[in-house]
């Protein structure tokens, strides 16, 4: 399973009502650190399939959703469990910092 494209329309179903934790990556195509982080997010999606859902929010396409979470710097990765924000990580991080959230 690859990363899901999260929009305002599917956010409630895919994130808030998810029966497994969700790692949500807020990014943009013009963002260098976002492009550096993208392979790590993809790896997590593949390695933890069925244990965690990984979604991507393009801040240019989903400005309202970005404003809902006060996204001011990207990349920003938000970890949700039971529909609630558990942790927010801003900027490029190593894979282990993300996997430590749910292992």
PDB file of N, CA and C in Angstrom:
ATOM      1  N   UNK A   1       0.847  -1.188   0.000  1.00  0.00           N
ATOM      2  CA  UNK A   1       0.000   0.000   0.000  1.00  0.00           C
ATOM      3  C   UNK A   1       0.884   1.239   0.000  1.00  0.00           C
ATOM      4  N   UNK A   2       0.566   2.141  -0.868  1.00  0.00           N
ATOM      5  CA  UNK A   2       1.328   3.385  -0.880  1.00  0.00           C
ATOM      6  C   UNK A   2       0.602   4.423  -0.035  1.00  0.00           C
ATOM      7  N   UNK A   3       1.211   5.571   0.058  1.00  0.00           N
ATOM      8  CA  UNK A   3       0.609   6.632   0.849  1.00  0.00           C
ATOM      9  C   UNK A   3      -0.719   7.062   0.242  1.00  0.00           C
ATOM     10  N   UNK A   4      -1.650   7.393   1.098  1.00  0.00           N
ATOM     11  CA  UNK A   4      -2.949   7.900   0.657  1.00  0.00           C
ATOM     12  C   UNK A   4      -2.860   9.398   0.434  1.00  0.00           C
ATOM     13  N   UNK A   5      -3.567   9.891  -0.542  1.00  0.00           N
ATOM     14  CA  UNK A   5      -3.683  11.330  -0.736  1.00  0.00           C
ATOM     15  C   UNK A   5      -4.855  11.780   0.137  1.00  0.00           C
ATOM     16  N   UNK A   6      -4.558  12.604   1.120  1.00  0.00           N
ATOM     17  CA  UNK A   6      -5.585  13.057   2.054  1.00  0.00           C
ATOM     18  C   UNK A   6      -6.076  14.438   1.623  1.00  0.00           C
ATOM     19  N   UNK A   7      -7.383  14.554   1.547  1.00  0.00           N
ATOM     20  CA  UNK A   7      -8.035  15.811   1.181  1.00  0.00           C
ATOM     21  C   UNK A   7      -9.045  16.165   2.266  1.00  0.00           C
ATOM     22  N   UNK A   8      -9.587  17.352   2.179  1.00  0.00           N
ATOM     23  CA  UNK A   8     -10.640  17.764   3.109  1.00  0.00           C
ATOM     24  C   UNK A   8     -11.816  16.779   3.036  1.00  0.00           C
ATOM     25  N   UNK A   9     -12.084  16.272   1.835  1.00  0.00           N
ATOM     26  CA  UNK A   9     -13.216  15.376   1.627  1.00  0.00           C
ATOM     27  C   UNK A   9     -13.038  14.010   2.285  1.00  0.00           C
ATOM     28  N   UNK A  10     -11.812  13.458   2.299  1.00  0.00           N
ATOM     29  CA  UNK A  10     -11.635  12.116   2.875  1.00  0.00           C
ATOM     30  C   UNK A  10     -10.945  12.121   4.235  1.00  0.00           C
ATOM     31  N   UNK A  11     -10.638  13.300   4.770  1.00  0.00           N
ATOM     32  CA  UNK A  11      -9.898  13.399   6.027  1.00  0.00           C
ATOM     33  C   UNK A  11     -10.606  12.686   7.179  1.00  0.00           C
ATOM     34  N   UNK A  12     -11.890  12.954   7.340  1.00  0.00           N
ATOM     35  CA  UNK A  12     -12.617  12.350   8.465  1.00  0.00           C
ATOM     36  C   UNK A  12     -12.596  10.827   8.381  1.00  0.00           C
ATOM     37  N   UNK A  13     -12.907  10.295   7.212  1.00  0.00           N
ATOM     38  CA  UNK A  13     -12.944   8.838   7.041  1.00  0.00           C
ATOM     39  C   UNK A  13     -11.559   8.201   7.198  1.00  0.00           C
ATOM     40  N   UNK A  14     -10.546   8.765   6.519  1.00  0.00           N
ATOM     41  CA  UNK A  14      -9.226   8.134   6.479  1.00  0.00           C
ATOM     42  C   UNK A  14      -8.366   8.397   7.721  1.00  0.00           C
ATOM     43  N   UNK A  15      -8.582   9.536   8.382  1.00  0.00           N
ATOM     44  CA  UNK A  15      -7.735   9.892   9.524  1.00  0.00           C
ATOM     45  C   UNK A  15      -8.507   9.798  10.843  1.00  0.00           C
ATOM     46  N   UNK A  16      -9.544  10.582  10.985  1.00  0.00           N
ATOM     47  CA  UNK A  16     -10.266  10.628  12.260  1.00  0.00           C
ATOM     48  C   UNK A  16     -10.953   9.312  12.601  1.00  0.00           C
ATOM     49  N   UNK A  17     -11.474   8.619  11.597  1.00  0.00           N
ATOM     50  CA  UNK A  17     -12.197   7.365  11.841  1.00  0.00           C
ATOM     51  C   UNK A  17     -11.359   6.125  11.557  1.00  0.00           C
ATOM     52  N   UNK A  18     -10.063   6.286  11.387  1.00  0.00           N
ATOM     53  CA  UNK A  18      -9.192   5.151  11.089  1.00  0.00           C
ATOM     54  C   UNK A  18      -9.102   4.220  12.297  1.00  0.00           C
ATOM     55  N   UNK A  19      -9.139   2.914  12.025  1.00  0.00           N
ATOM     56  CA  UNK A  19      -9.014   1.940  13.110  1.00  0.00           C
ATOM     57  C   UNK A  19      -7.549   1.635  13.452  1.00  0.00           C
ATOM     58  N   UNK A  20      -6.628   2.212  12.693  1.00  0.00           N
ATOM     59  CA  UNK A  20      -5.204   2.087  13.002  1.00  0.00           C
ATOM     60  C   UNK A  20      -4.604   3.500  13.053  1.00  0.00           C
ATOM     61  N   UNK A  21      -3.453   3.671  13.719  1.00  0.00           N
ATOM     62  CA  UNK A  21      -2.827   5.005  13.778  1.00  0.00           C
ATOM     63  C   UNK A  21      -2.513   5.541  12.380  1.00  0.00           C
ATOM     64  N   UNK A  22      -2.427   6.862  12.280  1.00  0.00           N
ATOM     65  CA  UNK A  22      -2.179   7.529  11.001  1.00  0.00           C
ATOM     66  C   UNK A  22      -0.992   8.472  11.123  1.00  0.00           C
ATOM     67  N   UNK A  23      -0.084   8.398  10.177  1.00  0.00           N
ATOM     68  CA  UNK A  23       1.030   9.327  10.052  1.00  0.00           C
ATOM     69  C   UNK A  23       0.714  10.204   8.851  1.00  0.00           C
ATOM     70  N   UNK A  24       0.554  11.504   9.076  1.00  0.00           N
ATOM     71  CA  UNK A  24       0.108  12.424   8.035  1.00  0.00           C
ATOM     72  C   UNK A  24       1.211  13.422   7.717  1.00  0.00           C
ATOM     73  N   UNK A  25       1.665  13.406   6.469  1.00  0.00           N
ATOM     74  CA  UNK A  25       2.764  14.247   6.000  1.00  0.00           C
ATOM     75  C   UNK A  25       2.200  15.445   5.238  1.00  0.00           C
ATOM     76  N   UNK A  26       2.386  16.652   5.790  1.00  0.00           N
ATOM     77  CA  UNK A  26       2.019  17.891   5.107  1.00  0.00           C
ATOM     78  C   UNK A  26       3.242  18.348   4.320  1.00  0.00           C
ATOM     79  N   UNK A  27       3.103  18.524   3.012  1.00  0.00           N
ATOM     80  CA  UNK A  27       4.243  18.754   2.128  1.00  0.00           C
ATOM     81  C   UNK A  27       3.840  19.636   0.948  1.00  0.00           C
ATOM     82  N   UNK A  28       4.840  19.984   0.128  1.00  0.00           N
ATOM     83  CA  UNK A  28       4.612  20.681  -1.139  1.00  0.00           C
ATOM     84  C   UNK A  28       5.705  20.256  -2.118  1.00  0.00           C
ATOM     85  N   UNK A  29       5.376  20.259  -3.396  1.00  0.00           N
ATOM     86  CA  UNK A  29       6.322  19.799  -4.413  1.00  0.00           C
ATOM     87  C   UNK A  29       7.550  20.700  -4.527  1.00  0.00           C
ATOM     88  N   UNK A  30       7.421  21.981  -4.173  1.00  0.00           N
ATOM     89  CA  UNK A  30       8.528  22.932  -4.289  1.00  0.00           C
ATOM     90  C   UNK A  30       9.444  22.931  -3.052  1.00  0.00           C
ATOM     91  N   UNK A  31       9.133  22.110  -2.060  1.00  0.00           N
ATOM     92  CA  UNK A  31       9.859  22.095  -0.782  1.00  0.00           C
ATOM     93  C   UNK A  31      10.981  21.053  -0.813  1.00  0.00           C
ATOM     94  N   UNK A  32      12.232  21.521  -0.761  1.00  0.00           N
ATOM     95  CA  UNK A  32      13.388  20.619  -0.779  1.00  0.00           C
ATOM     96  C   UNK A  32      13.390  19.606   0.352  1.00  0.00           C
ATOM     97  N   UNK A  33      13.242  20.027   1.605  1.00  0.00           N
ATOM     98  CA  UNK A  33      13.204  19.064   2.709  1.00  0.00           C
ATOM     99  C   UNK A  33      12.053  18.059   2.579  1.00  0.00           C
ATOM    100  N   UNK A  34      10.942  18.498   1.988  1.00  0.00           N
ATOM    101  CA  UNK A  34       9.814  17.583   1.769  1.00  0.00           C
ATOM    102  C   UNK A  34      10.215  16.480   0.798  1.00  0.00           C
ATOM    103  N   UNK A  35      10.923  16.845  -0.262  1.00  0.00           N
ATOM    104  CA  UNK A  35      11.374  15.853  -1.242  1.00  0.00           C
ATOM    105  C   UNK A  35      12.395  14.904  -0.619  1.00  0.00           C
ATOM    106  N   UNK A  36      13.211  15.403   0.303  1.00  0.00           N
ATOM    107  CA  UNK A  36      14.171  14.541   1.000  1.00  0.00           C
ATOM    108  C   UNK A  36      13.445  13.555   1.923  1.00  0.00           C
ATOM    109  N   UNK A  37      12.358  14.003   2.523  1.00  0.00           N
ATOM    110  CA  UNK A  37      11.615  13.177   3.468  1.00  0.00           C
ATOM    111  C   UNK A  37      10.728  12.144   2.761  1.00  0.00           C
ATOM    112  N   UNK A  38      10.319  12.424   1.550  1.00  0.00           N
ATOM    113  CA  UNK A  38       9.368  11.577   0.838  1.00  0.00           C
ATOM    114  C   UNK A  38       9.759  10.092   0.781  1.00  0.00           C
ATOM    115  N   UNK A  39      11.020   9.737   0.474  1.00  0.00           N
ATOM    116  CA  UNK A  39      11.372   8.305   0.451  1.00  0.00           C
ATOM    117  C   UNK A  39      11.241   7.642   1.820  1.00  0.00           C
ATOM    118  N   UNK A  40      11.494   8.389   2.876  1.00  0.00           N
ATOM    119  CA  UNK A  40      11.368   7.840   4.228  1.00  0.00           C
ATOM    120  C   UNK A  40       9.894   7.551   4.523  1.00  0.00           C
ATOM    121  N   UNK A  41       9.031   8.485   4.162  1.00  0.00           N
ATOM    122  CA  UNK A  41       7.593   8.302   4.373  1.00  0.00           C
ATOM    123  C   UNK A  41       7.102   7.091   3.572  1.00  0.00           C
ATOM    124  N   UNK A  42       7.594   6.932   2.347  1.00  0.00           N
ATOM    125  CA  UNK A  42       7.218   5.778   1.513  1.00  0.00           C
ATOM    126  C   UNK A  42       7.679   4.468   2.143  1.00  0.00           C
ATOM    127  N   UNK A  43       8.895   4.448   2.666  1.00  0.00           N
ATOM    128  CA  UNK A  43       9.420   3.248   3.337  1.00  0.00           C
ATOM    129  C   UNK A  43       8.546   2.868   4.518  1.00  0.00           C
ATOM    130  N   UNK A  44       8.189   3.842   5.324  1.00  0.00           N
ATOM    131  CA  UNK A  44       7.342   3.580   6.492  1.00  0.00           C
ATOM    132  C   UNK A  44       6.007   3.004   6.039  1.00  0.00           C
ATOM    133  N   UNK A  45       5.439   3.564   4.988  1.00  0.00           N
ATOM    134  CA  UNK A  45       4.158   3.093   4.461  1.00  0.00           C
ATOM    135  C   UNK A  45       4.233   1.619   4.075  1.00  0.00           C
ATOM    136  N   UNK A  46       5.319   1.231   3.422  1.00  0.00           N
ATOM    137  CA  UNK A  46       5.483  -0.158   2.990  1.00  0.00           C
ATOM    138  C   UNK A  46       5.797  -1.089   4.154  1.00  0.00           C
ATOM    139  N   UNK A  47       6.726  -0.694   5.006  1.00  0.00           N
ATOM    140  CA  UNK A  47       7.184  -1.562   6.093  1.00  0.00           C
ATOM    141  C   UNK A  47       6.130  -1.780   7.174  1.00  0.00           C
ATOM    142  N   UNK A  48       5.267  -0.813   7.379  1.00  0.00           N
ATOM    143  CA  UNK A  48       4.290  -0.902   8.466  1.00  0.00           C
ATOM    144  C   UNK A  48       2.867  -1.048   7.943  1.00  0.00           C
ATOM    145  N   UNK A  49       2.741  -1.537   6.718  1.00  0.00           N
ATOM    146  CA  UNK A  49       1.417  -1.723   6.116  1.00  0.00           C
ATOM    147  C   UNK A  49       0.542  -2.579   7.031  1.00  0.00           C
ATOM    148  N   UNK A  50      -0.678  -2.136   7.258  1.00  0.00           N
ATOM    149  CA  UNK A  50      -1.602  -2.851   8.130  1.00  0.00           C
ATOM    150  C   UNK A  50      -1.491  -2.451   9.589  1.00  0.00           C
ATOM    151  N   UNK A  51      -0.363  -1.853   9.969  1.00  0.00           N
ATOM    152  CA  UNK A  51      -0.157  -1.423  11.356  1.00  0.00           C
ATOM    153  C   UNK A  51      -0.360   0.074  11.509  1.00  0.00           C
ATOM    154  N   UNK A  52      -0.060   0.806  10.441  1.00  0.00           N
ATOM    155  CA  UNK A  52      -0.193   2.259  10.454  1.00  0.00           C
ATOM    156  C   UNK A  52      -0.589   2.707   9.048  1.00  0.00           C
ATOM    157  N   UNK A  53      -1.418   3.726   8.985  1.00  0.00           N
ATOM    158  CA  UNK A  53      -1.831   4.300   7.710  1.00  0.00           C
ATOM    159  C   UNK A  53      -0.976   5.545   7.482  1.00  0.00           C
ATOM    160  N   UNK A  54      -0.484   5.707   6.275  1.00  0.00           N
ATOM    161  CA  UNK A  54       0.348   6.865   5.946  1.00  0.00           C
ATOM    162  C   UNK A  54      -0.369   7.694   4.881  1.00  0.00           C
ATOM    163  N   UNK A  55      -0.528   8.977   5.185  1.00  0.00           N
ATOM    164  CA  UNK A  55      -1.195   9.871   4.253  1.00  0.00           C
ATOM    165  C   UNK A  55      -0.347  11.092   3.953  1.00  0.00           C
ATOM    166  N   UNK A  56      -0.624  11.707   2.810  1.00  0.00           N
ATOM    167  CA  UNK A  56       0.095  12.915   2.408  1.00  0.00           C
ATOM    168  C   UNK A  56      -0.923  14.005   2.102  1.00  0.00           C
ATOM    169  N   UNK A  57      -0.628  15.211   2.598  1.00  0.00           N
ATOM    170  CA  UNK A  57      -1.471  16.373   2.351  1.00  0.00           C
ATOM    171  C   UNK A  57      -0.634  17.408   1.624  1.00  0.00           C
ATOM    172  N   UNK A  58      -0.987  17.690   0.376  1.00  0.00           N
ATOM    173  CA  UNK A  58      -0.309  18.731  -0.380  1.00  0.00           C
ATOM    174  C   UNK A  58      -0.882  20.074   0.088  1.00  0.00           C
ATOM    175  N   UNK A  59      -0.052  20.880   0.730  1.00  0.00           N
ATOM    176  CA  UNK A  59      -0.557  22.121   1.328  1.00  0.00           C
ATOM    177  C   UNK A  59      -1.039  23.126   0.292  1.00  0.00           C
ATOM    178  N   UNK A  60      -0.548  23.037  -0.928  1.00  0.00           N
ATOM    179  CA  UNK A  60      -1.002  23.944  -1.979  1.00  0.00           C
ATOM    180  C   UNK A  60      -2.418  23.581  -2.442  1.00  0.00           C
ATOM    181  N   UNK A  61      -2.717  22.284  -2.456  1.00  0.00           N
ATOM    182  CA  UNK A  61      -4.036  21.820  -2.881  1.00  0.00           C
ATOM    183  C   UNK A  61      -5.052  21.827  -1.736  1.00  0.00           C
ATOM    184  N   UNK A  62      -4.574  21.676  -0.525  1.00  0.00           N
ATOM    185  CA  UNK A  62      -5.455  21.538   0.643  1.00  0.00           C
ATOM    186  C   UNK A  62      -5.167  22.632   1.673  1.00  0.00           C
ATOM    187  N   UNK A  63      -5.348  23.872   1.251  1.00  0.00           N
ATOM    188  CA  UNK A  63      -5.034  25.005   2.124  1.00  0.00           C
ATOM    189  C   UNK A  63      -5.912  25.035   3.374  1.00  0.00           C
ATOM    190  N   UNK A  64      -7.176  24.686   3.229  1.00  0.00           N
ATOM    191  CA  UNK A  64      -8.076  24.709   4.390  1.00  0.00           C
ATOM    192  C   UNK A  64      -7.646  23.685   5.436  1.00  0.00           C
ATOM    193  N   UNK A  65      -7.295  22.489   4.992  1.00  0.00           N
ATOM    194  CA  UNK A  65      -6.831  21.446   5.905  1.00  0.00           C
ATOM    195  C   UNK A  65      -5.522  21.862   6.576  1.00  0.00           C
ATOM    196  N   UNK A  66      -4.655  22.501   5.815  1.00  0.00           N
ATOM    197  CA  UNK A  66      -3.389  22.988   6.375  1.00  0.00           C
ATOM    198  C   UNK A  66      -3.640  24.052   7.438  1.00  0.00           C
ATOM    199  N   UNK A  67      -4.593  24.932   7.195  1.00  0.00           N
ATOM    200  CA  UNK A  67      -4.926  25.962   8.176  1.00  0.00           C
ATOM    201  C   UNK A  67      -5.545  25.355   9.432  1.00  0.00           C
ATOM    202  N   UNK A  68      -6.333  24.293   9.262  1.00  0.00           N
ATOM    203  CA  UNK A  68      -6.954  23.623  10.410  1.00  0.00           C
ATOM    204  C   UNK A  68      -5.905  23.132  11.404  1.00  0.00           C
ATOM    205  N   UNK A  69      -4.724  22.779  10.896  1.00  0.00           N
ATOM    206  CA  UNK A  69      -3.658  22.257  11.752  1.00  0.00           C
ATOM    207  C   UNK A  69      -2.519  23.258  11.944  1.00  0.00           C
ATOM    208  N   UNK A  70      -2.767  24.515  11.589  1.00  0.00           N
ATOM    209  CA  UNK A  70      -1.787  25.584  11.777  1.00  0.00           C
ATOM    210  C   UNK A  70      -0.419  25.240  11.196  1.00  0.00           C
ATOM    211  N   UNK A  71      -0.415  24.711   9.989  1.00  0.00           N
ATOM    212  CA  UNK A  71       0.843  24.350   9.331  1.00  0.00           C
ATOM    213  C   UNK A  71       1.512  25.634   8.853  1.00  0.00           C
ATOM    214  N   UNK A  72       2.659  25.949   9.449  1.00  0.00           N
ATOM    215  CA  UNK A  72       3.396  27.156   9.060  1.00  0.00           C
ATOM    216  C   UNK A  72       4.765  26.816   8.468  1.00  0.00           C
ATOM    217  N   UNK A  73       5.259  25.618   8.730  1.00  0.00           N
ATOM    218  CA  UNK A  73       6.525  25.145   8.165  1.00  0.00           C
ATOM    219  C   UNK A  73       6.307  23.735   7.643  1.00  0.00           C
ATOM    220  N   UNK A  74       6.972  23.436   6.547  1.00  0.00           N
ATOM    221  CA  UNK A  74       6.897  22.080   6.013  1.00  0.00           C
ATOM    222  C   UNK A  74       8.308  21.548   5.774  1.00  0.00           C
ATOM    223  N   UNK A  75       8.492  20.260   5.821  1.00  0.00           N
ATOM    224  CA  UNK A  75       7.459  19.269   6.085  1.00  0.00           C
ATOM    225  C   UNK A  75       7.024  19.282   7.551  1.00  0.00           C
ATOM    226  N   UNK A  76       5.756  18.998   7.759  1.00  0.00           N
ATOM    227  CA  UNK A  76       5.217  18.757   9.094  1.00  0.00           C
ATOM    228  C   UNK A  76       4.535  17.403   9.042  1.00  0.00           C
ATOM    229  N   UNK A  77       4.883  16.541   9.979  1.00  0.00           N
ATOM    230  CA  UNK A  77       4.278  15.219  10.064  1.00  0.00           C
ATOM    231  C   UNK A  77       3.524  15.138  11.384  1.00  0.00           C
ATOM    232  N   UNK A  78       2.243  14.773  11.286  1.00  0.00           N
ATOM    233  CA  UNK A  78       1.400  14.667  12.473  1.00  0.00           C
ATOM    234  C   UNK A  78       1.003  13.203  12.650  1.00  0.00           C
ATOM    235  N   UNK A  79       1.159  12.719  13.874  1.00  0.00           N
ATOM    236  CA  UNK A  79       0.805  11.342  14.221  1.00  0.00           C
ATOM    237  C   UNK A  79      -0.533  11.349  14.946  1.00  0.00           C
ATOM    238  N   UNK A  80      -1.491  10.613  14.400  1.00  0.00           N
ATOM    239  CA  UNK A  80      -2.829  10.500  14.982  1.00  0.00           C
ATOM    240  C   UNK A  80      -3.043   9.091  15.508  1.00  0.00           C
ATOM    241  N   UNK A  81      -3.688   9.002  16.649  1.00  0.00           N
ATOM    242  CA  UNK A  81      -4.106   7.707  17.182  1.00  0.00           C
ATOM    243  C   UNK A  81      -5.504   7.897  17.735  1.00  0.00           C
ATOM    244  N   UNK A  82      -6.397   7.007  17.369  1.00  0.00           N
ATOM    245  CA  UNK A  82      -7.800   7.099  17.782  1.00  0.00           C
ATOM    246  C   UNK A  82      -8.403   8.452  17.402  1.00  0.00           C
ATOM    247  N   UNK A  83      -8.002   8.980  16.245  1.00  0.00           N
ATOM    248  CA  UNK A  83      -8.560  10.217  15.740  1.00  0.00           C
ATOM    249  C   UNK A  83      -8.056  11.480  16.408  1.00  0.00           C
ATOM    250  N   UNK A  84      -7.058  11.349  17.278  1.00  0.00           N
ATOM    251  CA  UNK A  84      -6.531  12.509  17.995  1.00  0.00           C
ATOM    252  C   UNK A  84      -5.042  12.697  17.714  1.00  0.00           C
ATOM    253  N   UNK A  85      -4.622  13.956  17.643  1.00  0.00           N
ATOM    254  CA  UNK A  85      -3.204  14.263  17.429  1.00  0.00           C
ATOM    255  C   UNK A  85      -2.415  13.812  18.653  1.00  0.00           C
ATOM    256  N   UNK A  86      -1.388  13.004  18.406  1.00  0.00           N
ATOM    257  CA  UNK A  86      -0.521  12.533  19.477  1.00  0.00           C
ATOM    258  C   UNK A  86       0.816  13.277  19.487  1.00  0.00           C
ATOM    259  N   UNK A  87       1.299  13.596  18.286  1.00  0.00           N
ATOM    260  CA  UNK A  87       2.629  14.203  18.160  1.00  0.00           C
ATOM    261  C   UNK A  87       2.709  14.953  16.834  1.00  0.00           C
ATOM    262  N   UNK A  88       3.460  16.054  16.841  1.00  0.00           N
ATOM    263  CA  UNK A  88       3.709  16.821  15.627  1.00  0.00           C
ATOM    264  C   UNK A  88       5.215  17.019  15.495  1.00  0.00           C
ATOM    265  N   UNK A  89       5.755  16.627  14.349  1.00  0.00           N
ATOM    266  CA  UNK A  89       7.181  16.780  14.077  1.00  0.00           C
ATOM    267  C   UNK A  89       7.342  17.712  12.887  1.00  0.00           C
ATOM    268  N   UNK A  90       8.120  18.769  13.063  1.00  0.00           N
ATOM    269  CA  UNK A  90       8.319  19.766  12.009  1.00  0.00           C
ATOM    270  C   UNK A  90       9.743  19.663  11.485  1.00  0.00           C
ATOM    271  N   UNK A  91       9.878  19.695  10.158  1.00  0.00           N
ATOM    272  CA  UNK A  91      11.196  19.648   9.536  1.00  0.00           C
ATOM    273  C   UNK A  91      11.608  18.233   9.196  1.00  0.00           C
ATOM    274  N   UNK A  92      12.710  18.135   8.484  1.00  0.00           N
ATOM    275  CA  UNK A  92      13.246  16.831   8.099  1.00  0.00           C
ATOM    276  C   UNK A  92      13.679  16.071   9.342  1.00  0.00           C
ATOM    277  N   UNK A  93      13.342  14.807   9.409  1.00  0.00           N
ATOM    278  CA  UNK A  93      13.745  13.935  10.520  1.00  0.00           C
ATOM    279  C   UNK A  93      14.186  12.594   9.954  1.00  0.00           C
ATOM    280  N   UNK A  94      14.956  11.882  10.747  1.00  0.00           N
ATOM    281  CA  UNK A  94      15.356  10.533  10.369  1.00  0.00           C
ATOM    282  C   UNK A  94      14.187   9.571  10.592  1.00  0.00           C
ATOM    283  N   UNK A  95      14.200   8.479   9.878  1.00  0.00           N
ATOM    284  CA  UNK A  95      13.130   7.495   9.927  1.00  0.00           C
ATOM    285  C   UNK A  95      12.823   7.043  11.364  1.00  0.00           C
ATOM    286  N   UNK A  96      13.866   6.833  12.155  1.00  0.00           N
ATOM    287  CA  UNK A  96      13.684   6.322  13.509  1.00  0.00           C
ATOM    288  C   UNK A  96      12.856   7.253  14.394  1.00  0.00           C
ATOM    289  N   UNK A  97      12.920   8.547  14.124  1.00  0.00           N
ATOM    290  CA  UNK A  97      12.121   9.486  14.917  1.00  0.00           C
ATOM    291  C   UNK A  97      10.631   9.294  14.658  1.00  0.00           C
ATOM    292  N   UNK A  98      10.281   8.883  13.450  1.00  0.00           N
ATOM    293  CA  UNK A  98       8.878   8.622  13.126  1.00  0.00           C
ATOM    294  C   UNK A  98       8.448   7.266  13.669  1.00  0.00           C
ATOM    295  N   UNK A  99       9.255   6.246  13.414  1.00  0.00           N
ATOM    296  CA  UNK A  99       8.849   4.896  13.829  1.00  0.00           C
ATOM    297  C   UNK A  99       8.801   4.780  15.352  1.00  0.00           C
ATOM    298  N   UNK A 100       9.572   5.575  16.064  1.00  0.00           N
ATOM    299  CA  UNK A 100       9.523   5.556  17.534  1.00  0.00           C
ATOM    300  C   UNK A 100       8.154   5.978  18.054  1.00  0.00           C
ATOM    301  N   UNK A 101       7.399   6.692  17.261  1.00  0.00           N
ATOM    302  CA  UNK A 101       6.074   7.130  17.683  1.00  0.00           C
ATOM    303  C   UNK A 101       5.093   5.974  17.830  1.00  0.00           C
ATOM    304  N   UNK A 102       5.265   4.931  17.030  1.00  0.00           N
ATOM    305  CA  UNK A 102       4.255   3.864  17.022  1.00  0.00           C
ATOM    306  C   UNK A 102       4.804   2.463  17.226  1.00  0.00           C
ATOM    307  N   UNK A 103       6.087   2.320  17.478  1.00  0.00           N
ATOM    308  CA  UNK A 103       6.636   0.982  17.707  1.00  0.00           C
ATOM    309  C   UNK A 103       6.482   0.583  19.166  1.00  0.00           C
TER     310      UNK A 103
END
